[in-house]
Structures are given as structure tokens and as C-alpha cells.
Amino acid sequence: MTEMPTWEGFMVPCLSALSDSSTRSRREMNVQVAALVGLTNENRAVLLGSGQPQFANRIGWALSQLARVGALAKPSRGHYRITDAGREVLAAFPEGVTEKQLDSLGSDPTSAIQPYVASTRQQPSLAAATADRSPLDPTEQVEQGISRIHADVAAELLTRLCAQDPTFFESAVVKLLLAMGYGGVGGRGLTTSRSNDGGIDGVIDQDVLGLSKVYVQAKRYAPGNSVQRPELQGFVGALSGKADSGVFFTTSTFTAGAVEWADRVPARVILVDGQQLATLMIRYKVGVQVKDTYAVVEVDEDFFA
């Protein structure tokens, strides 16, 4: 995989793609610009958390910035055409241009580039923070920040789970499975460790009558103490005569031998290690709560149609 250009790195290729004075749609720009910079299939397959291809998102930000400073015109919804200002940029910076360089052109009274000011009420601290440009576009910066927060919360979740007693952990994984949709309409979940149910820690009824069940084993292990093959063998043995599948949760990891054995055993056993467990808890809001919500907006083209 070749190195993906930053959103700034896509600005000159966007101008080059329109240098023949044609008008192209956003979709056409994605295809042509990706070809111009030589993106590989691997580059094109990289997705953001929103599901949008990363390269398309960066091209979108490049197009938006160029349109804001007048280097591109938008003759119709979702279509772009180069302007005289855009040709000026292309002539001055044929190898690539940055947002800072566009700002410099915009401050030149002889330039056709329009100065772009994000906000006249921007606080000094924020203005200073934006002086150092990030190679990530704003959407990626938001997603990167959220990923860092989730990583910190995931680590704390595992620490807190390990500090609780085993029955609390067993109850937590049953609640997680129910939150994920296991149990169906009218189904139920319960822990079974107190009933000494042969090593089964929890069971999810997939239907009202309990004809279909998901069996659960939960091991609250400290980091570095991995689940080994004998624990999995005991779980599969406990499933015998009850079901041919189950889910094994742990706050730590599984040894390579345990994973290999689980792949070969006839019974279907899903292994969920600590990292995946924490990720699922965050995704399905089990043991966490939403602290802040930020809305990302864009202009409603239908409003102006």
C-alpha cells in the first residue's frame, strides 16, 4: 500500500483533474483523483469509522477548501469546475499546496484567491492551536480523538471488571449478550454459577420457551494470566448434552494452543478476549454512559435546490 496523501495533498490533484475546464461530479472526482495520485486497491479499501472510504473523505475536504477560497466553482449540486483562481494556484504550486500557502495567497491583494477566515470570534487559544496544521482532515481528527477516549475507557473497564467478584463479571457478560440482541423478543438471560451448573456461568434463552439457548463461560483473569486449553475443554465438556455451541469470555487473553484447539473442536465455541469484550461493552453501552454528543453538520443541498 502506497502512502495516502493528506487532505492537503489532494488539493493540487483535484485542480489538475479539472484543468481541462470540464465540470465533474464528486463521484467522478473521487475516481479521477484517486487514479492521478496512484492509489492502490488497499488505499481505496481503508474506511473511516463512519464507513466512508478515507481517500474519498480527504478528497471531499480538499474540494471544500478549494471552493471556499474560490479556486473551484460549484455550478450545480455536487459538481465542480476550476476557476481562474484555481489555475493561479495550480501554476504557483504545481507540486502541491498547503492550507497555509492558500492563506498567504488570499492575503495578497493581487491574487484571485479569496481570503478564508474560519471565525471572527475565534478565541486566541484556539487560533494558536490551529497554527500547527494537522495532516488529518477534521473528520479524521474527531475520529482519532474518539478512538483515544475509547481506548482509555476500554482499559478502565477491564480494570474495573477484574476488581469485581466473579458473579458480577458473569452477570455483566450476560447483560452484554442481551444488549447485543441475543435472547430475541421475549428471551431472557441469567447466571447459573450459583446452581453449580457444570461450569456453565450463564445461559441466554433465545425464545420464550427456552428451546434455543446460548451458553456462557466467563473467566475474570488478571492481565498476563491467559486462558489455556484445559479451561476450554472443560467448557465444551459442560456443553455436552445441552448445546453444540457457546461463548467463552475473559478479561485477559487466550493462549495460542487454546485458540487452535477451539478452531478444531466440533462444538462451535466463540472466544471473546478482554480487548474485544471492552470494545463490545462500549459499542452496546454496557457499563458505560454517553458523556458528550457532538453533531457534525454539512450544508443541506436540498434546502438550496
Protein backbone atom coordinates (compact mmCIF):
# COMPACT_ATOMS: atom_id res chain seq x y z
CA MET A 1 0.00 0.00 0.00
CA THR A 2 1.41 3.38 -1.00
CA GLU A 3 1.28 6.31 1.40
CA MET A 4 -2.09 8.01 1.43
CA PRO A 5 -1.88 11.76 0.71
CA THR A 6 -3.18 14.07 3.42
CA TRP A 7 -6.30 16.09 2.65
CA GLU A 8 -3.99 18.99 1.72
CA GLY A 9 -2.09 16.66 -0.57
CA PHE A 10 -5.26 16.06 -2.55
CA MET A 11 -5.83 19.76 -3.39
CA VAL A 12 -3.49 20.06 -6.38
CA PRO A 13 -4.60 16.68 -7.85
CA CYS A 14 -8.20 17.97 -7.59
CA LEU A 15 -7.23 21.09 -9.53
CA SER A 16 -5.29 19.00 -12.06
CA ALA A 17 -8.31 16.77 -12.62
CA LEU A 18 -10.32 19.85 -13.61
CA SER A 19 -7.60 21.66 -15.54
CA ASP A 20 -9.30 20.73 -18.85
CA SER A 21 -12.13 23.14 -17.91
CA SER A 22 -14.64 20.31 -17.54
CA THR A 23 -17.29 20.10 -14.84
CA ARG A 24 -17.20 16.90 -12.83
CA SER A 25 -19.31 15.36 -10.10
CA ARG A 26 -17.98 14.42 -6.70
CA ARG A 27 -18.11 10.74 -7.68
CA GLU A 28 -16.16 11.41 -10.87
CA MET A 29 -13.62 13.40 -8.90
CA ASN A 30 -13.09 10.53 -6.49
CA VAL A 31 -12.32 8.17 -9.37
CA GLN A 32 -10.10 10.54 -11.35
CA VAL A 33 -8.14 11.98 -8.43
CA ALA A 34 -7.53 8.52 -6.97
CA ALA A 35 -6.08 7.47 -10.34
CA LEU A 36 -3.96 10.64 -10.61
CA VAL A 37 -2.23 10.04 -7.26
CA GLY A 38 -1.89 6.30 -7.90
CA LEU A 39 -3.97 4.96 -5.03
CA THR A 40 -3.81 1.19 -4.69
CA ASN A 41 -6.77 -1.07 -4.02
CA GLU A 42 -5.55 -1.28 -0.44
CA ASN A 43 -5.63 2.53 -0.16
CA ARG A 44 -9.16 2.63 -1.52
CA ALA A 45 -10.30 -0.06 0.92
CA VAL A 46 -9.34 1.91 4.05
CA LEU A 47 -12.55 3.02 5.79
CA LEU A 48 -13.26 5.56 8.49
CA GLY A 49 -15.41 4.70 11.48
CA SER A 50 -18.39 6.15 9.64
CA GLY A 51 -17.88 3.60 6.84
CA GLN A 52 -16.80 6.21 4.28
CA PRO A 53 -13.58 5.47 2.33
CA GLN A 54 -10.74 7.53 3.80
CA PHE A 55 -9.50 8.74 0.42
CA ALA A 56 -12.98 9.98 -0.57
CA ASN A 57 -13.32 11.82 2.73
CA ARG A 58 -9.97 13.55 2.22
CA ILE A 59 -10.84 14.47 -1.36
CA GLY A 60 -14.09 15.93 -0.06
CA TRP A 61 -12.25 18.18 2.38
CA ALA A 62 -9.81 19.24 -0.36
CA LEU A 63 -12.70 20.16 -2.65
CA SER A 64 -14.45 22.07 0.14
CA GLN A 65 -11.36 24.10 0.98
CA LEU A 66 -10.70 24.91 -2.69
CA ALA A 67 -14.31 26.00 -3.14
CA ARG A 68 -14.19 28.18 -0.01
CA VAL A 69 -11.23 30.19 -1.32
CA GLY A 70 -12.69 30.46 -4.81
CA ALA A 71 -10.32 28.07 -6.56
CA LEU A 72 -13.29 25.93 -7.57
CA ALA A 73 -16.83 26.85 -8.57
CA LYS A 74 -19.91 24.72 -7.94
CA PRO A 75 -22.17 25.27 -10.96
CA SER A 76 -24.66 22.70 -9.67
CA ARG A 77 -25.20 20.43 -6.72
CA GLY A 78 -22.19 18.18 -6.12
CA HIS A 79 -20.33 19.36 -9.26
CA TYR A 80 -17.06 21.27 -9.52
CA ARG A 81 -15.27 23.41 -12.10
CA ILE A 82 -11.88 25.12 -11.88
CA THR A 83 -11.77 28.94 -11.76
CA ASP A 84 -9.09 31.48 -12.69
CA ALA A 85 -8.09 31.46 -9.04
CA GLY A 86 -7.70 27.70 -9.20
CA ARG A 87 -5.46 27.98 -12.24
CA GLU A 88 -3.41 30.53 -10.32
CA VAL A 89 -2.92 28.04 -7.50
CA LEU A 90 -2.02 25.27 -9.94
CA ALA A 91 0.55 27.47 -11.67
CA ALA A 92 2.10 28.69 -8.42
CA PHE A 93 2.17 25.30 -6.64
CA PRO A 94 2.22 22.52 -9.27
CA GLU A 95 3.77 20.03 -6.84
CA GLY A 96 1.32 20.60 -4.02
CA VAL A 97 -0.17 23.32 -1.86
CA THR A 98 -1.00 23.63 1.82
CA GLU A 99 -3.80 25.48 3.56
CA LYS A 100 -1.24 27.93 4.93
CA GLN A 101 0.00 28.71 1.41
CA LEU A 102 -3.57 29.29 0.27
CA ASP A 103 -4.00 31.68 3.19
CA SER A 104 -0.89 33.54 2.03
CA LEU A 105 -2.29 33.88 -1.47
CA GLY A 106 -5.57 35.10 -0.07
CA SER A 107 -3.83 37.91 1.79
CA ASP A 108 -2.22 39.14 -1.45
CA PRO A 109 -4.48 41.86 -2.95
CA THR A 110 -3.28 40.97 -6.47
CA SER A 111 -4.40 37.34 -6.13
CA ALA A 112 -7.75 35.99 -7.26
CA ILE A 113 -7.82 33.70 -4.24
CA GLN A 114 -10.40 34.76 -1.68
CA PRO A 115 -9.18 35.01 1.91
CA TYR A 116 -10.88 32.44 4.15
CA VAL A 117 -11.45 33.26 7.81
CA ALA A 118 -12.94 30.44 9.86
CA SER A 119 -14.41 32.68 12.54
CA THR A 120 -14.02 36.31 13.57
CA ARG A 121 -14.91 35.31 17.16
CA GLN A 122 -12.27 32.61 17.47
CA GLN A 123 -10.62 32.53 20.87
CA PRO A 124 -6.86 33.27 20.93
CA SER A 125 -6.07 29.85 22.42
CA LEU A 126 -7.94 28.09 19.63
CA ALA A 127 -6.31 30.27 16.98
CA ALA A 128 -2.91 29.32 18.34
CA ALA A 129 -3.85 25.65 18.38
CA THR A 130 -4.75 25.73 14.69
CA ALA A 131 -1.44 27.32 13.74
CA ASP A 132 0.15 23.88 13.53
CA ARG A 133 -1.77 22.18 10.74
CA SER A 134 -2.62 18.50 11.18
CA PRO A 135 -2.14 16.07 8.28
CA LEU A 136 -5.54 14.63 9.21
CA ASP A 137 -8.72 16.21 7.95
CA PRO A 138 -11.20 17.45 10.61
CA THR A 139 -13.36 14.32 10.41
CA GLU A 140 -10.33 12.10 10.98
CA GLN A 141 -9.19 14.28 13.89
CA VAL A 142 -12.58 13.81 15.55
CA GLU A 143 -12.50 10.04 14.98
CA GLN A 144 -8.91 9.84 16.23
CA GLY A 145 -9.88 11.68 19.41
CA ILE A 146 -12.85 9.39 19.97
CA SER A 147 -10.63 6.34 19.41
CA ARG A 148 -8.20 7.57 22.08
CA ILE A 149 -11.06 8.12 24.53
CA HIS A 150 -12.45 4.65 23.80
CA ALA A 151 -9.01 3.09 24.33
CA ASP A 152 -8.73 4.74 27.75
CA VAL A 153 -12.27 3.71 28.70
CA ALA A 154 -11.65 0.14 27.49
CA ALA A 155 -8.60 -0.17 29.74
CA GLU A 156 -10.55 1.17 32.71
CA LEU A 157 -13.46 -1.18 32.02
CA LEU A 158 -11.19 -4.22 32.20
CA THR A 159 -9.56 -2.93 35.39
CA ARG A 160 -12.95 -2.39 37.00
CA LEU A 161 -14.25 -5.80 35.90
CA CYS A 162 -11.20 -7.51 37.38
CA ALA A 163 -11.79 -5.68 40.67
CA GLN A 164 -15.34 -7.06 40.99
CA ASP A 165 -16.27 -10.52 42.22
CA PRO A 166 -16.77 -13.35 39.70
CA THR A 167 -20.58 -13.26 39.89
CA PHE A 168 -20.58 -9.60 38.89
CA PHE A 169 -18.48 -10.41 35.81
CA GLU A 170 -20.75 -13.29 34.88
CA SER A 171 -23.79 -11.03 35.16
CA ALA A 172 -22.03 -8.35 33.07
CA VAL A 173 -21.37 -10.66 30.12
CA VAL A 174 -24.97 -11.92 30.18
CA LYS A 175 -26.19 -8.31 30.10
CA LEU A 176 -23.83 -7.65 27.19
CA LEU A 177 -25.21 -10.55 25.16
CA LEU A 178 -28.76 -9.35 25.79
CA ALA A 179 -27.77 -5.83 24.72
CA MET A 180 -26.28 -7.31 21.53
CA GLY A 181 -29.66 -8.80 20.67
CA TYR A 182 -29.18 -12.37 21.85
CA GLY A 183 -32.28 -13.59 23.59
CA GLY A 184 -34.60 -12.24 20.92
CA VAL A 185 -38.08 -10.95 21.66
CA GLY A 186 -39.23 -12.37 24.96
CA GLY A 187 -35.97 -14.20 25.62
CA ARG A 188 -34.13 -13.95 28.90
CA GLY A 189 -30.67 -14.35 30.36
CA LEU A 190 -29.43 -15.47 33.74
CA THR A 191 -26.30 -16.52 35.55
CA THR A 192 -26.02 -20.11 36.68
CA SER A 193 -22.84 -20.32 38.73
CA ARG A 194 -24.73 -20.45 42.00
CA SER A 195 -26.60 -23.52 40.83
CA ASN A 196 -23.34 -25.36 40.11
CA ASP A 197 -24.39 -25.99 36.53
CA GLY A 198 -21.31 -27.95 35.50
CA GLY A 199 -19.06 -24.98 34.66
CA ILE A 200 -21.73 -23.01 32.78
CA ASP A 201 -21.74 -19.42 34.11
CA GLY A 202 -24.70 -18.08 32.17
CA VAL A 203 -27.42 -19.01 29.74
CA ILE A 204 -29.44 -16.95 27.28
CA ASP A 205 -32.86 -18.19 26.20
CA GLN A 206 -33.28 -17.28 22.54
CA ASP A 207 -37.04 -17.83 22.65
CA VAL A 208 -39.85 -17.69 25.20
CA LEU A 209 -39.92 -21.46 25.73
CA GLY A 210 -36.14 -21.74 26.02
CA LEU A 211 -35.84 -24.20 23.14
CA SER A 212 -32.77 -22.39 21.80
CA LYS A 213 -30.04 -21.37 24.21
CA VAL A 214 -26.63 -19.66 24.24
CA TYR A 215 -24.33 -20.95 27.00
CA VAL A 216 -21.68 -18.72 28.53
CA GLN A 217 -18.43 -19.19 30.40
CA ALA A 218 -16.75 -16.14 31.98
CA LYS A 219 -13.20 -16.11 33.36
CA ARG A 220 -12.13 -12.98 35.22
CA TYR A 221 -8.37 -13.24 34.79
CA ALA A 222 -5.72 -10.62 35.51
CA PRO A 223 -3.53 -9.40 32.61
CA GLY A 224 -0.82 -11.93 31.80
CA ASN A 225 -2.88 -14.87 33.07
CA SER A 226 -4.22 -16.29 29.81
CA VAL A 227 -6.99 -18.83 29.36
CA GLN A 228 -5.48 -22.16 28.35
CA ARG A 229 -6.74 -25.21 26.55
CA PRO A 230 -7.92 -27.17 29.64
CA GLU A 231 -10.39 -24.39 30.55
CA LEU A 232 -11.90 -24.55 27.07
CA GLN A 233 -12.06 -28.34 27.20
CA GLY A 234 -13.94 -28.11 30.49
CA PHE A 235 -16.41 -25.65 28.97
CA VAL A 236 -17.03 -27.83 25.92
CA GLY A 237 -17.49 -30.81 28.22
CA ALA A 238 -20.11 -28.88 30.19
CA LEU A 239 -21.95 -28.15 26.93
CA SER A 240 -22.26 -31.85 26.16
CA GLY A 241 -25.90 -32.86 26.13
CA LYS A 242 -27.06 -29.24 26.40
CA ALA A 243 -25.89 -27.46 23.23
CA ASP A 244 -23.29 -27.63 20.48
CA SER A 245 -22.12 -24.04 20.86
CA GLY A 246 -21.21 -21.45 23.46
CA VAL A 247 -19.35 -18.21 24.15
CA PHE A 248 -16.26 -18.02 26.34
CA PHE A 249 -15.43 -14.55 27.77
CA THR A 250 -12.27 -13.50 29.54
CA THR A 251 -10.81 -10.21 30.73
CA SER A 252 -7.36 -11.34 29.59
CA THR A 253 -6.33 -13.35 26.52
CA PHE A 254 -6.32 -16.90 25.17
CA THR A 255 -3.15 -18.88 24.58
CA ALA A 256 -2.30 -19.86 21.01
CA GLY A 257 -2.93 -23.50 21.93
CA ALA A 258 -6.40 -22.68 23.26
CA VAL A 259 -7.31 -20.76 20.10
CA GLU A 260 -6.03 -23.54 17.86
CA TRP A 261 -7.98 -26.18 19.79
CA ALA A 262 -11.19 -24.11 19.69
CA ASP A 263 -10.87 -23.89 15.91
CA ARG A 264 -10.67 -27.69 15.60
CA VAL A 265 -13.26 -28.83 18.12
CA PRO A 266 -16.60 -29.97 16.62
CA ALA A 267 -18.60 -27.79 19.02
CA ARG A 268 -18.73 -24.15 17.99
CA VAL A 269 -17.05 -22.08 20.68
CA ILE A 270 -16.73 -18.30 20.24
CA LEU A 271 -13.79 -16.80 22.12
CA VAL A 272 -14.03 -13.19 23.33
CA ASP A 273 -10.83 -11.80 24.86
CA GLY A 274 -10.54 -8.73 27.05
CA GLN A 275 -9.93 -6.24 24.26
CA GLN A 276 -12.91 -7.45 22.25
CA LEU A 277 -15.04 -7.58 25.39
CA ALA A 278 -14.29 -3.94 26.23
CA THR A 279 -14.94 -2.88 22.63
CA LEU A 280 -18.32 -4.61 22.66
CA MET A 281 -19.26 -3.07 26.01
CA ILE A 282 -18.54 0.41 24.65
CA ARG A 283 -20.38 -0.27 21.39
CA TYR A 284 -23.51 -1.59 23.10
CA LYS A 285 -23.35 0.83 26.07
CA VAL A 286 -22.95 -1.78 28.80
CA GLY A 287 -21.04 -0.41 31.80
CA VAL A 288 -20.60 2.95 30.09
CA GLN A 289 -22.72 6.03 29.53
CA VAL A 290 -22.61 8.74 26.88
CA LYS A 291 -20.84 11.77 28.34
CA ASP A 292 -20.99 14.18 25.38
CA THR A 293 -22.51 14.14 21.92
CA TYR A 294 -21.15 16.18 19.02
CA ALA A 295 -23.06 16.70 15.79
CA VAL A 296 -21.08 17.02 12.54
CA VAL A 297 -23.04 19.12 10.07
CA GLU A 298 -22.83 19.96 6.38
CA VAL A 299 -24.80 22.26 4.11
CA ASP A 300 -28.18 20.82 3.10
CA GLU A 301 -28.07 20.91 -0.70
CA ASP A 302 -31.83 20.21 -0.90
CA PHE A 303 -32.51 23.45 1.02
CA PHE A 304 -30.80 25.47 -1.71
CA ALA A 305 -32.04 23.43 -4.67
